[in-house]
Amino acid sequence: ALAAVTEAVLDADVVSGRQLSRLVGSWVWALLPCRPFLSVLRASYRFIAAAWRDQRPLWRSVRRELHTLLGLLPLLHVDLSAAWSGILVAADASEGGLGVVYTGVSPGQTRRLAEALPRQALKKDGLDQSQLQLFDQLGKSKWKVAVQYRWRWTKEHISVKEMRAALCALRWIATRPSAFGRRVLFLSDSAAAVGALAKGRSPSYPLLLLLRRIAVVCAGFGIRFVPRWVPTFSNPADGPSRAATLEDW
């Protein structure tokens, strides 16, 4: 039914922003279990705002987004009972490079960590004693370095670099078949990266482009990338990201 309505809108000579808004709302509802796919939508929102009461031909960029969504329909399948992976991964970016680290934990521990860790950045004075103890334990765990990389360019905003680090971590996870079809807990100290990953989209176009690449990996390998925030002092990838800038690395 959603495909039929979308094709009718694409076949129409003119469409109002209000009409497109109803269609996009239906798509957003369908995409919620597959949040990375929400990154497809950008021009559609701009068209809705520009032509709310007007009847206009659809922009080429809007048509491209709607055709993309139609192509993604066969992939809109999520196992809400998927087990947790036994791999816990963290990433960090500095001005000079990125680092990705991992450790092995039981699926039960991963689930408890996902429930206990904050879903968004908190101020230090907003952390309770149990959270501070949890962060301290994470910092003392035995982590192995998966990726260290020195930037070949340094002009990007740090939030974009943090999202690149998240993409790098996901790509590394995708090389491990044990993570296929499972939930993977991802730790980062970037509020922007964690927020964008949790929402599946971002108003920042550079972040949105990276989210689309993340969506491709998640869809291709059936990985549910679950982001959680940790403060910088307990992010185990902080050291490797800074070590990647050393001249002798």
C-alpha atoms as a PDB file:
ATOM      1  CA  ALA A   1       0.000   0.000   0.000  1.00  0.00           C
ATOM      2  CA  LEU A   2       2.827   2.394   0.849  1.00  0.00           C
ATOM      3  CA  ALA A   3       4.542   1.624  -2.444  1.00  0.00           C
ATOM      4  CA  ALA A   4       1.311   2.234  -4.360  1.00  0.00           C
ATOM      5  CA  VAL A   5       0.789   5.645  -2.738  1.00  0.00           C
ATOM      6  CA  THR A   6       4.428   6.581  -3.385  1.00  0.00           C
ATOM      7  CA  GLU A   7       4.158   5.628  -7.058  1.00  0.00           C
ATOM      8  CA  ALA A   8       0.959   7.691  -7.351  1.00  0.00           C
ATOM      9  CA  VAL A   9       2.771  10.740  -5.983  1.00  0.00           C
ATOM     10  CA  LEU A  10       5.665  10.163  -8.388  1.00  0.00           C
ATOM     11  CA  ASP A  11       3.228   9.922 -11.309  1.00  0.00           C
ATOM     12  CA  ALA A  12       1.405  13.136 -10.369  1.00  0.00           C
ATOM     13  CA  ASP A  13       2.176  16.283 -12.353  1.00  0.00           C
ATOM     14  CA  VAL A  14       2.174  18.489  -9.248  1.00  0.00           C
ATOM     15  CA  VAL A  15       2.192  17.813  -5.522  1.00  0.00           C
ATOM     16  CA  SER A  16       1.740  20.075  -2.501  1.00  0.00           C
ATOM     17  CA  GLY A  17       3.983  20.056   0.523  1.00  0.00           C
ATOM     18  CA  ARG A  18       1.023  18.964   2.633  1.00  0.00           C
ATOM     19  CA  GLN A  19       0.464  15.893   0.415  1.00  0.00           C
ATOM     20  CA  LEU A  20       4.131  14.969   0.496  1.00  0.00           C
ATOM     21  CA  SER A  21       4.150  15.441   4.268  1.00  0.00           C
ATOM     22  CA  ARG A  22       1.508  12.719   4.685  1.00  0.00           C
ATOM     23  CA  LEU A  23       3.512  10.350   2.505  1.00  0.00           C
ATOM     24  CA  VAL A  24       6.796  11.069   4.283  1.00  0.00           C
ATOM     25  CA  GLY A  25       5.066  10.578   7.639  1.00  0.00           C
ATOM     26  CA  SER A  26       3.992   7.096   6.557  1.00  0.00           C
ATOM     27  CA  TRP A  27       7.521   6.314   5.423  1.00  0.00           C
ATOM     28  CA  VAL A  28       9.025   7.518   8.697  1.00  0.00           C
ATOM     29  CA  TRP A  29       6.661   5.233  10.607  1.00  0.00           C
ATOM     30  CA  ALA A  30       7.746   2.294   8.424  1.00  0.00           C
ATOM     31  CA  LEU A  31      11.448   3.161   8.818  1.00  0.00           C
ATOM     32  CA  LEU A  32      11.497   3.534  12.606  1.00  0.00           C
ATOM     33  CA  PRO A  33      12.640  -0.071  13.233  1.00  0.00           C
ATOM     34  CA  CYS A  34      15.398   0.532  10.635  1.00  0.00           C
ATOM     35  CA  ARG A  35      16.451   3.986  11.774  1.00  0.00           C
ATOM     36  CA  PRO A  36      19.630   4.261   9.648  1.00  0.00           C
ATOM     37  CA  PHE A  37      17.384   4.382   6.570  1.00  0.00           C
ATOM     38  CA  LEU A  38      15.892   7.660   7.815  1.00  0.00           C
ATOM     39  CA  SER A  39      19.074   9.274   6.494  1.00  0.00           C
ATOM     40  CA  VAL A  40      17.640   8.904   2.964  1.00  0.00           C
ATOM     41  CA  LEU A  41      15.238  11.789   3.599  1.00  0.00           C
ATOM     42  CA  ARG A  42      16.504  15.341   3.262  1.00  0.00           C
ATOM     43  CA  ALA A  43      15.242  17.115   0.155  1.00  0.00           C
ATOM     44  CA  SER A  44      11.707  15.902   0.872  1.00  0.00           C
ATOM     45  CA  TYR A  45      11.602  17.903   4.104  1.00  0.00           C
ATOM     46  CA  ARG A  46      12.832  20.999   2.281  1.00  0.00           C
ATOM     47  CA  PHE A  47      10.141  20.583  -0.380  1.00  0.00           C
ATOM     48  CA  ILE A  48       7.464  20.235   2.302  1.00  0.00           C
ATOM     49  CA  ALA A  49       8.570  23.485   3.920  1.00  0.00           C
ATOM     50  CA  ALA A  50       8.834  25.348   0.605  1.00  0.00           C
ATOM     51  CA  ALA A  51       5.550  24.195  -0.937  1.00  0.00           C
ATOM     52  CA  TRP A  52       3.226  23.494   1.968  1.00  0.00           C
ATOM     53  CA  ARG A  53       0.126  25.025   0.321  1.00  0.00           C
ATOM     54  CA  ASP A  54       1.384  25.206  -3.274  1.00  0.00           C
ATOM     55  CA  GLN A  55       1.049  22.624  -6.015  1.00  0.00           C
ATOM     56  CA  ARG A  56       4.457  22.170  -7.602  1.00  0.00           C
ATOM     57  CA  PRO A  57       6.296  19.558  -9.679  1.00  0.00           C
ATOM     58  CA  LEU A  58       8.443  17.368  -7.456  1.00  0.00           C
ATOM     59  CA  TRP A  59      12.085  18.323  -7.365  1.00  0.00           C
ATOM     60  CA  ARG A  60      14.478  15.878  -8.959  1.00  0.00           C
ATOM     61  CA  SER A  61      16.179  15.351  -5.581  1.00  0.00           C
ATOM     62  CA  VAL A  62      12.813  14.485  -3.969  1.00  0.00           C
ATOM     63  CA  ARG A  63      12.010  12.022  -6.735  1.00  0.00           C
ATOM     64  CA  ARG A  64      15.392  10.400  -6.222  1.00  0.00           C
ATOM     65  CA  GLU A  65      14.701   9.983  -2.489  1.00  0.00           C
ATOM     66  CA  LEU A  66      11.278   8.420  -3.100  1.00  0.00           C
ATOM     67  CA  HIS A  67      12.706   6.007  -5.692  1.00  0.00           C
ATOM     68  CA  THR A  68      15.435   5.084  -3.197  1.00  0.00           C
ATOM     69  CA  LEU A  69      12.854   4.319  -0.528  1.00  0.00           C
ATOM     70  CA  LEU A  70      10.934   2.104  -2.942  1.00  0.00           C
ATOM     71  CA  GLY A  71      14.149   0.220  -3.664  1.00  0.00           C
ATOM     72  CA  LEU A  72      14.789  -0.255   0.048  1.00  0.00           C
ATOM     73  CA  LEU A  73      11.382  -1.801   0.751  1.00  0.00           C
ATOM     74  CA  PRO A  74      12.638  -5.425   0.520  1.00  0.00           C
ATOM     75  CA  LEU A  75      15.268  -4.614   3.165  1.00  0.00           C
ATOM     76  CA  LEU A  76      12.827  -3.235   5.745  1.00  0.00           C
ATOM     77  CA  HIS A  77      13.057  -6.297   7.937  1.00  0.00           C
ATOM     78  CA  VAL A  78      14.310  -6.219  11.516  1.00  0.00           C
ATOM     79  CA  ASP A  79      14.468  -9.001  14.075  1.00  0.00           C
ATOM     80  CA  LEU A  80      13.424  -7.233  17.273  1.00  0.00           C
ATOM     81  CA  SER A  81      14.468 -10.302  19.284  1.00  0.00           C
ATOM     82  CA  ALA A  82      18.008 -10.360  17.845  1.00  0.00           C
ATOM     83  CA  ALA A  83      20.628 -11.481  20.362  1.00  0.00           C
ATOM     84  CA  TRP A  84      23.433  -9.249  21.547  1.00  0.00           C
ATOM     85  CA  SER A  85      26.881  -9.749  20.108  1.00  0.00           C
ATOM     86  CA  GLY A  86      29.688 -10.814  22.428  1.00  0.00           C
ATOM     87  CA  ILE A  87      31.859  -8.017  21.032  1.00  0.00           C
ATOM     88  CA  LEU A  88      31.856  -4.587  22.643  1.00  0.00           C
ATOM     89  CA  VAL A  89      33.394  -1.908  20.435  1.00  0.00           C
ATOM     90  CA  ALA A  90      34.397   1.705  21.089  1.00  0.00           C
ATOM     91  CA  ALA A  91      35.756   4.423  18.831  1.00  0.00           C
ATOM     92  CA  ASP A  92      37.188   7.897  19.181  1.00  0.00           C
ATOM     93  CA  ALA A  93      38.577  10.605  16.919  1.00  0.00           C
ATOM     94  CA  SER A  94      41.140  13.276  17.641  1.00  0.00           C
ATOM     95  CA  GLU A  95      42.371  16.100  15.445  1.00  0.00           C
ATOM     96  CA  GLY A  96      45.123  13.816  14.155  1.00  0.00           C
ATOM     97  CA  GLY A  97      43.561  10.369  13.811  1.00  0.00           C
ATOM     98  CA  LEU A  98      41.019   7.775  14.927  1.00  0.00           C
ATOM     99  CA  GLY A  99      41.098   4.667  17.059  1.00  0.00           C
ATOM    100  CA  VAL A 100      38.793   1.642  17.316  1.00  0.00           C
ATOM    101  CA  VAL A 101      39.084  -0.833  20.193  1.00  0.00           C
ATOM    102  CA  TYR A 102      37.118  -3.914  21.220  1.00  0.00           C
ATOM    103  CA  THR A 103      36.739  -6.417  24.015  1.00  0.00           C
ATOM    104  CA  GLY A 104      34.893  -9.673  24.461  1.00  0.00           C
ATOM    105  CA  VAL A 105      31.966  -9.846  26.885  1.00  0.00           C
ATOM    106  CA  SER A 106      29.023 -12.163  27.306  1.00  0.00           C
ATOM    107  CA  PRO A 107      25.773 -11.233  25.516  1.00  0.00           C
ATOM    108  CA  GLY A 108      24.119 -10.882  28.928  1.00  0.00           C
ATOM    109  CA  GLN A 109      26.727  -8.361  30.068  1.00  0.00           C
ATOM    110  CA  THR A 110      26.337  -6.437  26.819  1.00  0.00           C
ATOM    111  CA  ARG A 111      22.576  -6.204  27.357  1.00  0.00           C
ATOM    112  CA  ARG A 112      23.032  -4.948  30.923  1.00  0.00           C
ATOM    113  CA  LEU A 113      25.560  -2.360  29.763  1.00  0.00           C
ATOM    114  CA  ALA A 114      23.163  -1.151  27.061  1.00  0.00           C
ATOM    115  CA  GLU A 115      20.478  -0.689  29.709  1.00  0.00           C
ATOM    116  CA  ALA A 116      22.777   1.070  32.179  1.00  0.00           C
ATOM    117  CA  LEU A 117      24.771   3.392  29.915  1.00  0.00           C
ATOM    118  CA  PRO A 118      23.277   6.792  29.021  1.00  0.00           C
ATOM    119  CA  ARG A 119      21.731   7.282  25.599  1.00  0.00           C
ATOM    120  CA  GLN A 120      22.905  10.883  25.407  1.00  0.00           C
ATOM    121  CA  ALA A 121      25.743  13.004  26.731  1.00  0.00           C
ATOM    122  CA  LEU A 122      25.603  14.013  30.393  1.00  0.00           C
ATOM    123  CA  LYS A 123      27.461  16.658  32.332  1.00  0.00           C
ATOM    124  CA  LYS A 124      29.962  15.356  34.838  1.00  0.00           C
ATOM    125  CA  ASP A 125      27.960  16.731  37.751  1.00  0.00           C
ATOM    126  CA  GLY A 126      24.904  14.924  36.351  1.00  0.00           C
ATOM    127  CA  LEU A 127      26.439  11.453  36.741  1.00  0.00           C
ATOM    128  CA  ASP A 128      25.399   9.379  39.711  1.00  0.00           C
ATOM    129  CA  GLN A 129      27.719   7.133  41.710  1.00  0.00           C
ATOM    130  CA  SER A 130      26.672   3.924  39.948  1.00  0.00           C
ATOM    131  CA  GLN A 131      27.379   5.438  36.537  1.00  0.00           C
ATOM    132  CA  LEU A 132      30.799   6.664  37.666  1.00  0.00           C
ATOM    133  CA  GLN A 133      31.636   3.165  38.898  1.00  0.00           C
ATOM    134  CA  LEU A 134      30.473   1.682  35.610  1.00  0.00           C
ATOM    135  CA  PHE A 135      32.597   4.119  33.613  1.00  0.00           C
ATOM    136  CA  ASP A 136      35.561   3.317  35.837  1.00  0.00           C
ATOM    137  CA  GLN A 137      35.112  -0.412  35.184  1.00  0.00           C
ATOM    138  CA  LEU A 138      34.924   0.162  31.434  1.00  0.00           C
ATOM    139  CA  GLY A 139      38.139   2.140  31.532  1.00  0.00           C
ATOM    140  CA  LYS A 140      39.932  -0.640  33.396  1.00  0.00           C
ATOM    141  CA  SER A 141      38.736  -3.469  31.133  1.00  0.00           C
ATOM    142  CA  LYS A 142      41.194  -5.152  28.783  1.00  0.00           C
ATOM    143  CA  TRP A 143      40.713  -3.614  25.360  1.00  0.00           C
ATOM    144  CA  LYS A 144      42.450  -4.560  22.129  1.00  0.00           C
ATOM    145  CA  VAL A 145      43.189  -2.115  19.335  1.00  0.00           C
ATOM    146  CA  ALA A 146      41.340  -3.001  16.127  1.00  0.00           C
ATOM    147  CA  VAL A 147      42.124   0.079  14.020  1.00  0.00           C
ATOM    148  CA  GLN A 148      44.440   3.059  14.288  1.00  0.00           C
ATOM    149  CA  TYR A 149      44.415   5.568  11.491  1.00  0.00           C
ATOM    150  CA  ARG A 150      46.048   8.938  10.920  1.00  0.00           C
ATOM    151  CA  TRP A 151      43.941  11.459   9.004  1.00  0.00           C
ATOM    152  CA  ARG A 152      45.165  12.378   5.571  1.00  0.00           C
ATOM    153  CA  TRP A 153      43.095  15.559   5.854  1.00  0.00           C
ATOM    154  CA  THR A 154      42.379  17.553   9.001  1.00  0.00           C
ATOM    155  CA  LYS A 155      39.942  20.286   7.938  1.00  0.00           C
ATOM    156  CA  GLU A 156      36.727  18.444   8.817  1.00  0.00           C
ATOM    157  CA  HIS A 157      34.758  19.280  11.943  1.00  0.00           C
ATOM    158  CA  ILE A 158      35.491  17.007  14.884  1.00  0.00           C
ATOM    159  CA  SER A 159      31.881  15.711  14.859  1.00  0.00           C
ATOM    160  CA  VAL A 160      32.375  14.494  11.286  1.00  0.00           C
ATOM    161  CA  LYS A 161      35.607  12.787  12.325  1.00  0.00           C
ATOM    162  CA  GLU A 162      33.813  11.116  15.223  1.00  0.00           C
ATOM    163  CA  MET A 163      31.175   9.792  12.816  1.00  0.00           C
ATOM    164  CA  ARG A 164      33.925   8.520  10.513  1.00  0.00           C
ATOM    165  CA  ALA A 165      35.340   6.678  13.517  1.00  0.00           C
ATOM    166  CA  ALA A 166      31.902   5.120  14.125  1.00  0.00           C
ATOM    167  CA  LEU A 167      31.706   4.033  10.484  1.00  0.00           C
ATOM    168  CA  CYS A 168      35.192   2.548  10.757  1.00  0.00           C
ATOM    169  CA  ALA A 169      34.151   0.599  13.858  1.00  0.00           C
ATOM    170  CA  LEU A 170      31.039  -0.719  12.095  1.00  0.00           C
ATOM    171  CA  ARG A 171      33.047  -1.778   9.054  1.00  0.00           C
ATOM    172  CA  TRP A 172      35.451  -3.630  11.316  1.00  0.00           C
ATOM    173  CA  ILE A 173      32.529  -5.352  13.059  1.00  0.00           C
ATOM    174  CA  ALA A 174      31.190  -6.364   9.634  1.00  0.00           C
ATOM    175  CA  THR A 175      34.340  -8.446   9.067  1.00  0.00           C
ATOM    176  CA  ARG A 176      33.351 -10.720  11.954  1.00  0.00           C
ATOM    177  CA  PRO A 177      30.589 -13.210  11.026  1.00  0.00           C
ATOM    178  CA  SER A 178      29.701 -13.687  14.705  1.00  0.00           C
ATOM    179  CA  ALA A 179      28.168 -10.184  14.643  1.00  0.00           C
ATOM    180  CA  PHE A 180      25.893 -10.804  11.640  1.00  0.00           C
ATOM    181  CA  GLY A 181      22.213 -10.494  12.512  1.00  0.00           C
ATOM    182  CA  ARG A 182      22.980  -9.329  16.048  1.00  0.00           C
ATOM    183  CA  ARG A 183      22.903  -6.171  18.121  1.00  0.00           C
ATOM    184  CA  VAL A 184      26.309  -4.584  18.595  1.00  0.00           C
ATOM    185  CA  LEU A 185      26.915  -2.151  21.454  1.00  0.00           C
ATOM    186  CA  PHE A 186      28.995   0.825  20.334  1.00  0.00           C
ATOM    187  CA  LEU A 187      30.595   3.329  22.735  1.00  0.00           C
ATOM    188  CA  SER A 188      31.566   6.904  21.891  1.00  0.00           C
ATOM    189  CA  ASP A 189      32.219  10.119  23.801  1.00  0.00           C
ATOM    190  CA  SER A 190      30.797  12.265  20.987  1.00  0.00           C
ATOM    191  CA  ALA A 191      27.338  13.610  21.789  1.00  0.00           C
ATOM    192  CA  ALA A 192      26.785  14.511  18.120  1.00  0.00           C
ATOM    193  CA  ALA A 193      27.701  11.045  16.847  1.00  0.00           C
ATOM    194  CA  VAL A 194      25.688   9.171  19.476  1.00  0.00           C
ATOM    195  CA  GLY A 195      22.651  11.393  18.933  1.00  0.00           C
ATOM    196  CA  ALA A 196      22.754  11.088  15.144  1.00  0.00           C
ATOM    197  CA  LEU A 197      23.228   7.310  15.276  1.00  0.00           C
ATOM    198  CA  ALA A 198      20.320   6.951  17.699  1.00  0.00           C
ATOM    199  CA  LYS A 199      18.002   9.102  15.556  1.00  0.00           C
ATOM    200  CA  GLY A 200      19.156   7.701  12.230  1.00  0.00           C
ATOM    201  CA  ARG A 201      19.500  11.153  10.690  1.00  0.00           C
ATOM    202  CA  SER A 202      21.081  14.561  11.262  1.00  0.00           C
ATOM    203  CA  PRO A 203      20.505  18.158  10.096  1.00  0.00           C
ATOM    204  CA  SER A 204      24.215  18.259   9.244  1.00  0.00           C
ATOM    205  CA  TYR A 205      24.687  17.168   5.630  1.00  0.00           C
ATOM    206  CA  PRO A 206      28.227  15.739   6.141  1.00  0.00           C
ATOM    207  CA  LEU A 207      26.925  13.615   9.037  1.00  0.00           C
ATOM    208  CA  LEU A 208      23.898  12.580   6.980  1.00  0.00           C
ATOM    209  CA  LEU A 209      26.137  11.285   4.183  1.00  0.00           C
ATOM    210  CA  LEU A 210      28.077   9.165   6.655  1.00  0.00           C
ATOM    211  CA  LEU A 211      24.842   7.886   8.186  1.00  0.00           C
ATOM    212  CA  ARG A 212      23.792   6.675   4.743  1.00  0.00           C
ATOM    213  CA  ARG A 213      27.009   4.678   4.476  1.00  0.00           C
ATOM    214  CA  ILE A 214      26.365   3.263   7.947  1.00  0.00           C
ATOM    215  CA  ALA A 215      22.850   2.278   6.830  1.00  0.00           C
ATOM    216  CA  VAL A 216      24.313   0.314   3.909  1.00  0.00           C
ATOM    217  CA  VAL A 217      26.576  -1.735   6.204  1.00  0.00           C
ATOM    218  CA  CYS A 218      23.811  -2.355   8.749  1.00  0.00           C
ATOM    219  CA  ALA A 219      21.394  -3.499   6.036  1.00  0.00           C
ATOM    220  CA  GLY A 220      23.950  -5.630   4.242  1.00  0.00           C
ATOM    221  CA  PHE A 221      25.011  -7.604   7.303  1.00  0.00           C
ATOM    222  CA  GLY A 222      21.877  -7.410   9.441  1.00  0.00           C
ATOM    223  CA  ILE A 223      23.758  -5.585  12.194  1.00  0.00           C
ATOM    224  CA  ARG A 224      21.861  -3.416  14.663  1.00  0.00           C
ATOM    225  CA  PHE A 225      24.339  -0.740  15.741  1.00  0.00           C
ATOM    226  CA  VAL A 226      23.349   0.401  19.249  1.00  0.00           C
ATOM    227  CA  PRO A 227      25.152   3.613  20.339  1.00  0.00           C
ATOM    228  CA  ARG A 228      25.785   4.616  23.937  1.00  0.00           C
ATOM    229  CA  TRP A 229      27.630   7.603  25.360  1.00  0.00           C
ATOM    230  CA  VAL A 230      30.645   7.427  27.664  1.00  0.00           C
ATOM    231  CA  PRO A 231      32.706  10.347  28.977  1.00  0.00           C
ATOM    232  CA  THR A 232      36.118  10.935  27.446  1.00  0.00           C
ATOM    233  CA  PHE A 233      37.959   9.873  30.583  1.00  0.00           C
ATOM    234  CA  SER A 234      36.518   6.357  30.329  1.00  0.00           C
ATOM    235  CA  ASN A 235      36.507   5.977  26.549  1.00  0.00           C
ATOM    236  CA  PRO A 236      39.064   3.184  25.905  1.00  0.00           C
ATOM    237  CA  ALA A 237      39.558   4.396  22.318  1.00  0.00           C
ATOM    238  CA  ASP A 238      40.760   7.847  23.413  1.00  0.00           C
ATOM    239  CA  GLY A 239      44.400   6.771  23.799  1.00  0.00           C
ATOM    240  CA  PRO A 240      44.642   4.895  20.472  1.00  0.00           C
ATOM    241  CA  SER A 241      43.082   7.834  18.596  1.00  0.00           C
ATOM    242  CA  ARG A 242      45.743  10.169  19.957  1.00  0.00           C
ATOM    243  CA  ALA A 243      48.532   7.630  19.488  1.00  0.00           C
ATOM    244  CA  ALA A 244      47.651   7.544  15.795  1.00  0.00           C
ATOM    245  CA  THR A 245      49.070  11.075  15.500  1.00  0.00           C
ATOM    246  CA  LEU A 246      52.538  10.132  16.714  1.00  0.00           C
ATOM    247  CA  GLU A 247      55.320  10.613  14.198  1.00  0.00           C
ATOM    248  CA  ASP A 248      56.724   7.105  14.765  1.00  0.00           C
ATOM    249  CA  TRP A 249      53.340   5.354  14.348  1.00  0.00           C
END
